[in-house]
Amino acid sequence: MITTDRTYGVEIEGVMPSGISRAEVTFALKQAGMDVELESYNHIVRPSWKVTTDASVGYGSGFELVSPILKGADGLRQLFTALTALTELGCSVNKSCGMHVHVYAGDFSAKEIGKISKCFLMYENFFDYIMPLSRRGSSNRYVKSNRLHSGGGYKPFHANAGMDRISAAKTIYEVYNAVQSDRFYKFNLQNLVGGHRFNTIEFRQHVGTMDTQSALNWVALLVSFVENAAKSKIRKRESFKDADKHLRAGREMADFFRMFKTPEAVQSYYKDRYAFFRDEETAVIKAEKDAIIRREEIIGNITDLIERATAKLEHMATFKRRQWNKEGRLRRNIRILQNPTAETNSKLEVAVRQLELALTPRTRRAA
């Protein structure tokens, strides 16, 4: 799956099963034949794997497994062994977990780092296509969009603004400033600037996983991407015809695979993954559309209801003994329906039901 000697590293965030400690996680990995140690949180690159803590997954049942510097097929075998052992122990992931991959970039010039950055901006949509909705765009504050930071968005020419900024950059630090402002971006150059010793590009977008195929294919995709993006002749999308074809996910994916020489097995995996997340996206969009239609139905019926409820309030005020509780409920529900955009569908439906009940003549209620 990996055809280059470029090195990489992996950080796996996970959740331990109830009653299991980090020491026991470490022991299980050693039993699987891994060279691994239990450590407190640190940023030291070890010659062995390490089990440690991470604030993003909590200090109770959360843990992070950090690899040493890995290379080629042997590195993938170690990753496979680690994830298999964690799965057998009963470890899992939740929405707080991620898998971060570092790819060595210390041998690249500022110009080459700029090329890699341009390629990521150009194909950020592709990376979104193969991720769940929770990891797309800037929906997660720990994996923000580099395109949005650079002044672009997700439509045809939106990568161009960032690419222009990168073209004007003379140093790696200027490239960094063009694509991010802190480390919490999908594509992170922070380890290449500011005196950091690791000289890696970090990819933070992937969800937490214990699935071996998901992890191995992601690493192979990224190593191939970095290696070939540095040599690419990336150019801006200059015409609507050129840009429009990249709005179609299938075309964008095919171009990505060709440009960055993605291994065939990895291509096949991500075609299936894209189809899976496309179906998930379709279901979410349908649910959102259904909610909008229902909301329009509710709002369409409330004008008459508000008028009738207001008239009833005026009638109630004529009683010598005012019905304070009923009056309070009426006023509250009228306020809700007068500002429907601030309320959920379920709250609107409750208000409608209560007003309809209050306005129903007593003779009908008895029937």
Protein backbone atom coordinates (compact mmCIF):
# COMPACT_ATOMS: atom_id res chain seq x y z
CA MET A 1 0.00 0.00 0.00
CA ILE A 2 2.92 2.37 0.65
CA THR A 3 5.51 2.53 -2.12
CA THR A 4 7.79 5.24 -0.70
CA ASP A 5 10.30 5.40 2.15
CA ARG A 6 8.74 8.58 3.52
CA THR A 7 8.24 8.16 7.27
CA TYR A 8 5.08 8.81 9.25
CA GLY A 9 3.57 8.60 12.72
CA VAL A 10 0.12 7.95 14.12
CA GLU A 11 -1.80 9.11 17.21
CA ILE A 12 -4.82 6.97 18.10
CA GLU A 13 -7.35 8.31 20.61
CA GLY A 14 -9.67 5.82 22.25
CA VAL A 15 -11.84 4.87 25.20
CA MET A 16 -11.08 1.98 27.54
CA PRO A 17 -13.81 -0.44 28.61
CA SER A 18 -15.11 -0.12 32.17
CA GLY A 19 -12.67 -1.45 34.74
CA ILE A 20 -9.64 -1.37 32.43
CA SER A 21 -6.69 0.93 33.15
CA ARG A 22 -4.03 2.37 30.87
CA ALA A 23 -1.54 -0.02 32.45
CA GLU A 24 -3.72 -2.92 31.32
CA VAL A 25 -3.96 -1.44 27.83
CA THR A 26 -0.16 -1.27 27.77
CA PHE A 27 0.12 -4.87 28.99
CA ALA A 28 -2.31 -6.09 26.29
CA LEU A 29 -0.24 -4.39 23.59
CA LYS A 30 2.95 -5.95 24.95
CA GLN A 31 1.26 -9.34 24.94
CA ALA A 32 0.56 -8.77 21.25
CA GLY A 33 4.31 -8.43 20.69
CA MET A 34 4.56 -4.65 20.59
CA ASP A 35 7.34 -2.51 22.03
CA VAL A 36 5.26 -0.10 24.11
CA GLU A 37 5.51 1.87 27.36
CA LEU A 38 3.05 3.66 29.66
CA GLU A 39 3.90 7.36 30.06
CA SER A 40 2.44 10.61 31.33
CA TYR A 41 1.45 13.13 28.66
CA ASN A 42 4.43 14.47 26.71
CA HIS A 43 5.52 15.45 23.20
CA ILE A 44 8.68 13.35 23.10
CA VAL A 45 9.08 11.07 20.09
CA ARG A 46 10.14 7.67 21.45
CA PRO A 47 11.72 4.71 19.66
CA SER A 48 8.77 2.66 20.95
CA TRP A 49 4.98 3.08 21.06
CA LYS A 50 3.57 4.82 24.13
CA VAL A 51 0.22 4.82 25.93
CA THR A 52 -0.60 8.17 27.49
CA THR A 53 -3.43 10.59 28.33
CA ASP A 54 -5.05 13.24 26.17
CA ALA A 55 -7.28 16.09 27.32
CA SER A 56 -9.60 15.82 24.31
CA VAL A 57 -10.80 12.34 25.35
CA GLY A 58 -10.71 12.90 29.12
CA TYR A 59 -8.45 11.64 31.84
CA GLY A 60 -10.85 8.98 33.12
CA SER A 61 -11.49 6.29 30.54
CA GLY A 62 -9.70 8.00 27.64
CA PHE A 63 -6.24 7.19 26.32
CA GLU A 64 -3.94 7.98 23.42
CA LEU A 65 -1.63 5.52 21.71
CA VAL A 66 1.30 7.26 19.99
CA SER A 67 3.54 5.50 17.51
CA PRO A 68 7.28 5.87 17.04
CA ILE A 69 8.54 6.93 13.61
CA LEU A 70 7.13 4.39 11.16
CA LYS A 71 7.97 3.53 7.55
CA GLY A 72 6.48 1.51 4.74
CA ALA A 73 4.73 -1.82 5.10
CA ASP A 74 6.38 -2.57 8.45
CA GLY A 75 4.78 0.53 9.95
CA LEU A 76 1.38 -0.55 8.66
CA ARG A 77 1.88 -4.02 10.18
CA GLN A 78 2.61 -2.43 13.56
CA LEU A 79 -0.49 -0.25 13.28
CA PHE A 80 -2.59 -3.30 12.36
CA THR A 81 -1.27 -5.20 15.40
CA ALA A 82 -1.99 -2.27 17.73
CA LEU A 83 -5.57 -1.76 16.57
CA THR A 84 -6.30 -5.50 16.64
CA ALA A 85 -5.05 -5.76 20.23
CA LEU A 86 -7.07 -2.71 21.31
CA THR A 87 -10.22 -4.10 19.69
CA GLU A 88 -9.77 -7.50 21.35
CA LEU A 89 -9.40 -5.75 24.71
CA GLY A 90 -12.75 -4.00 24.13
CA CYS A 91 -11.47 -0.48 23.50
CA SER A 92 -13.71 1.80 21.43
CA VAL A 93 -14.07 5.38 20.22
CA ASN A 94 -16.60 8.17 20.64
CA LYS A 95 -17.18 11.53 18.94
CA SER A 96 -14.38 13.14 20.95
CA CYS A 97 -11.79 10.76 19.51
CA GLY A 98 -9.67 11.32 16.44
CA MET A 99 -6.79 9.71 14.60
CA HIS A 100 -3.97 12.09 13.70
CA VAL A 101 -1.34 11.19 11.12
CA HIS A 102 2.03 12.93 10.83
CA VAL A 103 3.96 12.68 7.55
CA TYR A 104 7.63 13.68 7.48
CA ALA A 105 8.23 16.89 5.52
CA GLY A 106 11.60 18.08 6.83
CA ASP A 107 13.28 17.50 3.47
CA PHE A 108 10.96 19.83 1.56
CA SER A 109 11.69 23.44 0.62
CA ALA A 110 9.27 26.29 1.27
CA LYS A 111 8.21 26.06 -2.37
CA GLU A 112 7.42 22.35 -2.03
CA ILE A 113 5.52 22.90 1.21
CA GLY A 114 3.59 25.56 -0.67
CA LYS A 115 2.73 23.05 -3.41
CA ILE A 116 1.48 20.51 -0.86
CA SER A 117 -0.60 23.23 0.82
CA LYS A 118 -2.08 24.36 -2.52
CA CYS A 119 -3.00 20.76 -3.30
CA PHE A 120 -4.79 20.38 0.01
CA LEU A 121 -6.75 23.59 -0.53
CA MET A 122 -7.65 22.52 -4.06
CA TYR A 123 -8.85 19.09 -2.90
CA GLU A 124 -10.25 19.85 0.56
CA ASN A 125 -13.67 18.95 -0.84
CA PHE A 126 -12.32 15.49 -1.72
CA PHE A 127 -11.15 14.94 1.85
CA ASP A 128 -14.59 16.03 3.06
CA TYR A 129 -16.33 13.58 0.71
CA ILE A 130 -14.66 10.61 2.45
CA MET A 131 -15.41 11.82 5.99
CA PRO A 132 -18.62 11.73 8.05
CA LEU A 133 -20.61 14.98 8.27
CA SER A 134 -19.16 15.76 11.71
CA ARG A 135 -15.68 16.17 10.15
CA ARG A 136 -16.56 18.24 7.11
CA GLY A 137 -16.23 21.96 6.50
CA SER A 138 -15.56 23.70 9.79
CA SER A 139 -18.21 21.80 11.76
CA ASN A 140 -15.63 20.67 14.33
CA ARG A 141 -13.54 23.31 16.12
CA TYR A 142 -10.60 20.91 16.40
CA VAL A 143 -10.47 20.26 12.63
CA LYS A 144 -11.25 23.61 11.02
CA SER A 145 -11.29 24.30 7.30
CA ASN A 146 -8.04 25.56 5.79
CA ARG A 147 -9.97 26.92 2.81
CA LEU A 148 -12.14 29.11 5.00
CA HIS A 149 -9.09 30.46 6.83
CA SER A 150 -7.39 31.36 3.55
CA GLY A 151 -10.37 33.43 2.42
CA GLY A 152 -12.16 30.82 0.36
CA GLY A 153 -15.07 28.44 0.68
CA TYR A 154 -16.36 25.34 -1.08
CA LYS A 155 -17.51 26.62 -4.47
CA PRO A 156 -15.66 26.50 -7.80
CA PHE A 157 -12.99 29.18 -7.38
CA HIS A 158 -12.81 29.34 -3.62
CA ALA A 159 -9.43 27.61 -3.36
CA ASN A 160 -7.89 30.32 -5.55
CA ALA A 161 -7.72 32.95 -2.80
CA GLY A 162 -5.58 30.72 -0.60
CA MET A 163 -3.46 29.58 -3.53
CA ASP A 164 -2.66 33.21 -4.35
CA ARG A 165 -1.59 33.81 -0.75
CA ILE A 166 0.65 30.75 -0.85
CA SER A 167 2.20 31.83 -4.16
CA ALA A 168 3.21 35.12 -2.52
CA ALA A 169 4.83 33.31 0.44
CA LYS A 170 8.63 33.22 0.60
CA THR A 171 9.05 31.10 3.72
CA ILE A 172 7.35 28.10 5.30
CA TYR A 173 6.11 30.38 8.07
CA GLU A 174 4.35 32.56 5.49
CA VAL A 175 2.79 29.45 3.96
CA TYR A 176 1.62 28.47 7.46
CA ASN A 177 -0.04 31.86 7.94
CA ALA A 178 -1.79 31.50 4.59
CA VAL A 179 -3.54 28.26 5.53
CA GLN A 180 -4.05 28.35 9.31
CA SER A 181 -3.84 30.40 12.52
CA ASP A 182 -3.36 27.59 15.07
CA ARG A 183 -2.91 23.82 15.05
CA PHE A 184 -6.61 22.93 15.05
CA TYR A 185 -6.99 22.63 11.28
CA LYS A 186 -7.46 19.61 9.05
CA PHE A 187 -4.07 20.26 7.47
CA ASN A 188 -1.55 21.44 10.07
CA LEU A 189 1.94 22.83 9.35
CA GLN A 190 2.71 23.90 12.91
CA ASN A 191 5.41 21.25 13.38
CA LEU A 192 7.38 22.86 10.55
CA VAL A 193 7.56 26.34 12.11
CA GLY A 194 8.30 28.03 15.42
CA GLY A 195 11.21 25.84 16.47
CA HIS A 196 9.27 22.56 16.51
CA ARG A 197 11.55 19.56 16.13
CA PHE A 198 9.25 17.08 14.44
CA ASN A 199 9.28 18.47 10.87
CA THR A 200 5.98 16.84 9.98
CA ILE A 201 2.70 17.77 8.35
CA GLU A 202 -0.17 16.70 10.58
CA PHE A 203 -3.52 15.57 9.19
CA ARG A 204 -6.18 15.87 11.91
CA GLN A 205 -9.44 15.26 10.05
CA HIS A 206 -10.01 11.53 10.49
CA VAL A 207 -12.54 10.34 13.06
CA GLY A 208 -11.41 8.10 15.89
CA THR A 209 -11.31 4.48 14.78
CA MET A 210 -10.32 1.00 15.88
CA ASP A 211 -10.94 -0.33 12.37
CA THR A 212 -7.74 -1.59 10.79
CA GLN A 213 -8.81 -1.03 7.16
CA SER A 214 -9.91 2.53 7.86
CA ALA A 215 -6.62 3.41 9.57
CA LEU A 216 -4.27 1.67 7.14
CA ASN A 217 -5.91 3.12 4.04
CA TRP A 218 -5.90 6.63 5.53
CA VAL A 219 -2.17 6.45 6.26
CA ALA A 220 -1.41 5.10 2.77
CA LEU A 221 -3.55 7.83 1.15
CA LEU A 222 -1.77 10.62 3.05
CA VAL A 223 1.79 9.38 2.50
CA SER A 224 1.11 9.09 -1.23
CA PHE A 225 -0.55 12.53 -1.24
CA VAL A 226 2.39 14.30 0.45
CA GLU A 227 5.04 12.55 -1.65
CA ASN A 228 3.39 13.41 -4.95
CA ALA A 229 1.89 16.81 -4.08
CA ALA A 230 5.41 18.18 -3.49
CA LYS A 231 6.24 17.33 -7.13
CA SER A 232 2.93 18.44 -8.61
CA LYS A 233 2.26 21.22 -11.10
CA ILE A 234 -0.88 22.45 -9.39
CA ARG A 235 -2.71 25.35 -10.99
CA LYS A 236 -5.77 27.40 -10.19
CA ARG A 237 -9.15 26.67 -11.74
CA GLU A 238 -9.45 29.53 -14.18
CA SER A 239 -12.75 28.93 -15.99
CA PHE A 240 -16.27 27.91 -15.08
CA LYS A 241 -15.91 24.88 -17.34
CA ASP A 242 -12.75 23.82 -15.53
CA ALA A 243 -14.24 24.51 -12.11
CA ASP A 244 -17.65 22.99 -12.74
CA LYS A 245 -16.31 19.49 -13.34
CA HIS A 246 -14.77 19.57 -9.87
CA LEU A 247 -18.17 20.15 -8.32
CA ARG A 248 -18.94 16.53 -9.20
CA ALA A 249 -17.53 14.30 -6.50
CA GLY A 250 -16.75 11.40 -8.82
CA ARG A 251 -14.64 13.59 -11.12
CA GLU A 252 -12.85 15.26 -8.23
CA MET A 253 -12.04 11.85 -6.73
CA ALA A 254 -10.71 10.48 -10.05
CA ASP A 255 -8.50 13.56 -10.52
CA PHE A 256 -7.16 13.25 -6.98
CA PHE A 257 -6.27 9.58 -7.43
CA ARG A 258 -4.50 10.26 -10.72
CA MET A 259 -2.58 13.35 -9.62
CA PHE A 260 -1.31 11.88 -6.36
CA LYS A 261 -0.76 8.32 -7.63
CA THR A 262 -3.02 6.73 -5.04
CA PRO A 263 -2.51 2.92 -4.86
CA GLU A 264 -5.28 0.91 -6.53
CA ALA A 265 -6.36 -0.86 -3.33
CA VAL A 266 -6.65 2.50 -1.54
CA GLN A 267 -8.68 3.94 -4.42
CA SER A 268 -11.14 1.05 -4.20
CA TYR A 269 -11.52 1.51 -0.45
CA TYR A 270 -12.28 5.22 -0.73
CA LYS A 271 -14.74 4.81 -3.57
CA ASP A 272 -16.76 2.52 -1.28
CA ARG A 273 -16.31 4.90 1.66
CA TYR A 274 -17.52 7.84 -0.41
CA ALA A 275 -20.64 5.88 -1.42
CA PHE A 276 -21.34 5.05 2.23
CA PHE A 277 -21.07 8.66 3.41
CA ARG A 278 -23.03 9.90 0.39
CA ASP A 279 -25.94 7.70 1.49
CA GLU A 280 -25.58 9.01 5.05
CA GLU A 281 -25.59 12.57 3.75
CA THR A 282 -28.69 11.86 1.64
CA ALA A 283 -30.53 10.55 4.72
CA VAL A 284 -29.56 13.61 6.76
CA ILE A 285 -30.62 15.98 3.98
CA LYS A 286 -33.98 14.20 3.68
CA ALA A 287 -34.55 14.50 7.43
CA GLU A 288 -33.69 18.21 7.30
CA LYS A 289 -36.06 18.77 4.37
CA ASP A 290 -38.86 16.89 6.17
CA ALA A 291 -38.32 19.08 9.25
CA ILE A 292 -38.49 22.24 7.10
CA ILE A 293 -41.73 21.08 5.45
CA ARG A 294 -43.27 20.29 8.83
CA ARG A 295 -42.18 23.68 10.16
CA GLU A 296 -43.81 25.45 7.23
CA GLU A 297 -47.03 23.53 7.92
CA ILE A 298 -46.97 24.60 11.58
CA ILE A 299 -46.19 28.25 10.83
CA GLY A 300 -48.83 28.34 8.08
CA ASN A 301 -51.57 27.55 10.61
CA ILE A 302 -50.59 29.76 13.54
CA THR A 303 -51.76 33.23 12.38
CA ASP A 304 -55.45 32.43 12.89
CA LEU A 305 -54.63 30.62 16.12
CA ILE A 306 -52.84 33.67 17.55
CA GLU A 307 -55.77 35.94 16.66
CA ARG A 308 -58.29 33.63 18.33
CA ALA A 309 -56.12 33.20 21.44
CA THR A 310 -55.63 36.98 21.75
CA ALA A 311 -59.41 37.50 21.54
CA LYS A 312 -59.92 34.91 24.28
CA LEU A 313 -57.43 36.75 26.50
CA GLU A 314 -59.40 39.97 26.07
CA HIS A 315 -62.58 38.08 26.95
CA MET A 316 -61.00 36.56 30.05
CA ALA A 317 -60.02 40.02 31.29
CA THR A 318 -63.70 40.84 31.70
CA PHE A 319 -64.17 38.18 34.39
CA LYS A 320 -64.22 39.39 37.97
CA ARG A 321 -62.18 36.37 38.98
CA ARG A 322 -59.38 36.27 36.45
CA GLN A 323 -58.08 32.82 35.55
CA TRP A 324 -54.40 33.53 36.07
CA ASN A 325 -52.96 30.10 35.24
CA LYS A 326 -54.92 29.75 32.02
CA GLU A 327 -54.12 33.31 31.06
CA GLY A 328 -50.41 32.74 31.70
CA ARG A 329 -50.35 29.61 29.52
CA LEU A 330 -52.16 31.44 26.74
CA ARG A 331 -49.73 34.36 26.80
CA ARG A 332 -46.71 32.04 26.85
CA ASN A 333 -47.91 29.99 23.89
CA ILE A 334 -48.83 33.11 21.92
CA ARG A 335 -45.29 34.44 22.46
CA ILE A 336 -43.83 31.14 21.19
CA LEU A 337 -45.92 31.20 18.04
CA GLN A 338 -45.22 34.86 17.38
CA ASN A 339 -41.50 34.09 17.11
CA PRO A 340 -41.38 30.62 15.50
CA THR A 341 -37.85 30.92 14.12
CA ALA A 342 -36.44 30.85 17.65
CA GLU A 343 -38.16 27.58 18.58
CA THR A 344 -37.84 23.90 17.71
CA ASN A 345 -40.54 22.05 15.77
CA SER A 346 -41.50 20.03 18.86
CA LYS A 347 -41.95 23.17 20.99
CA LEU A 348 -44.08 24.78 18.29
CA GLU A 349 -46.25 21.67 18.05
CA VAL A 350 -46.81 21.64 21.84
CA ALA A 351 -47.81 25.33 21.79
CA VAL A 352 -50.23 24.71 18.90
CA ARG A 353 -51.86 21.76 20.70
CA GLN A 354 -52.26 23.69 23.95
CA LEU A 355 -53.80 26.70 22.21
CA GLU A 356 -56.16 24.52 20.18
CA LEU A 357 -57.25 22.78 23.36
CA ALA A 358 -57.79 26.11 25.16
CA LEU A 359 -59.86 27.44 22.26
CA THR A 360 -62.04 24.33 21.93
CA PRO A 361 -65.56 24.95 23.30
CA ARG A 362 -66.30 22.98 26.48
CA THR A 363 -69.28 21.23 24.94
CA ARG A 364 -67.01 19.75 22.28
CA ARG A 365 -64.45 18.69 24.86
CA ALA A 366 -67.12 16.79 26.79
CA ALA A 367 -68.18 15.02 23.62
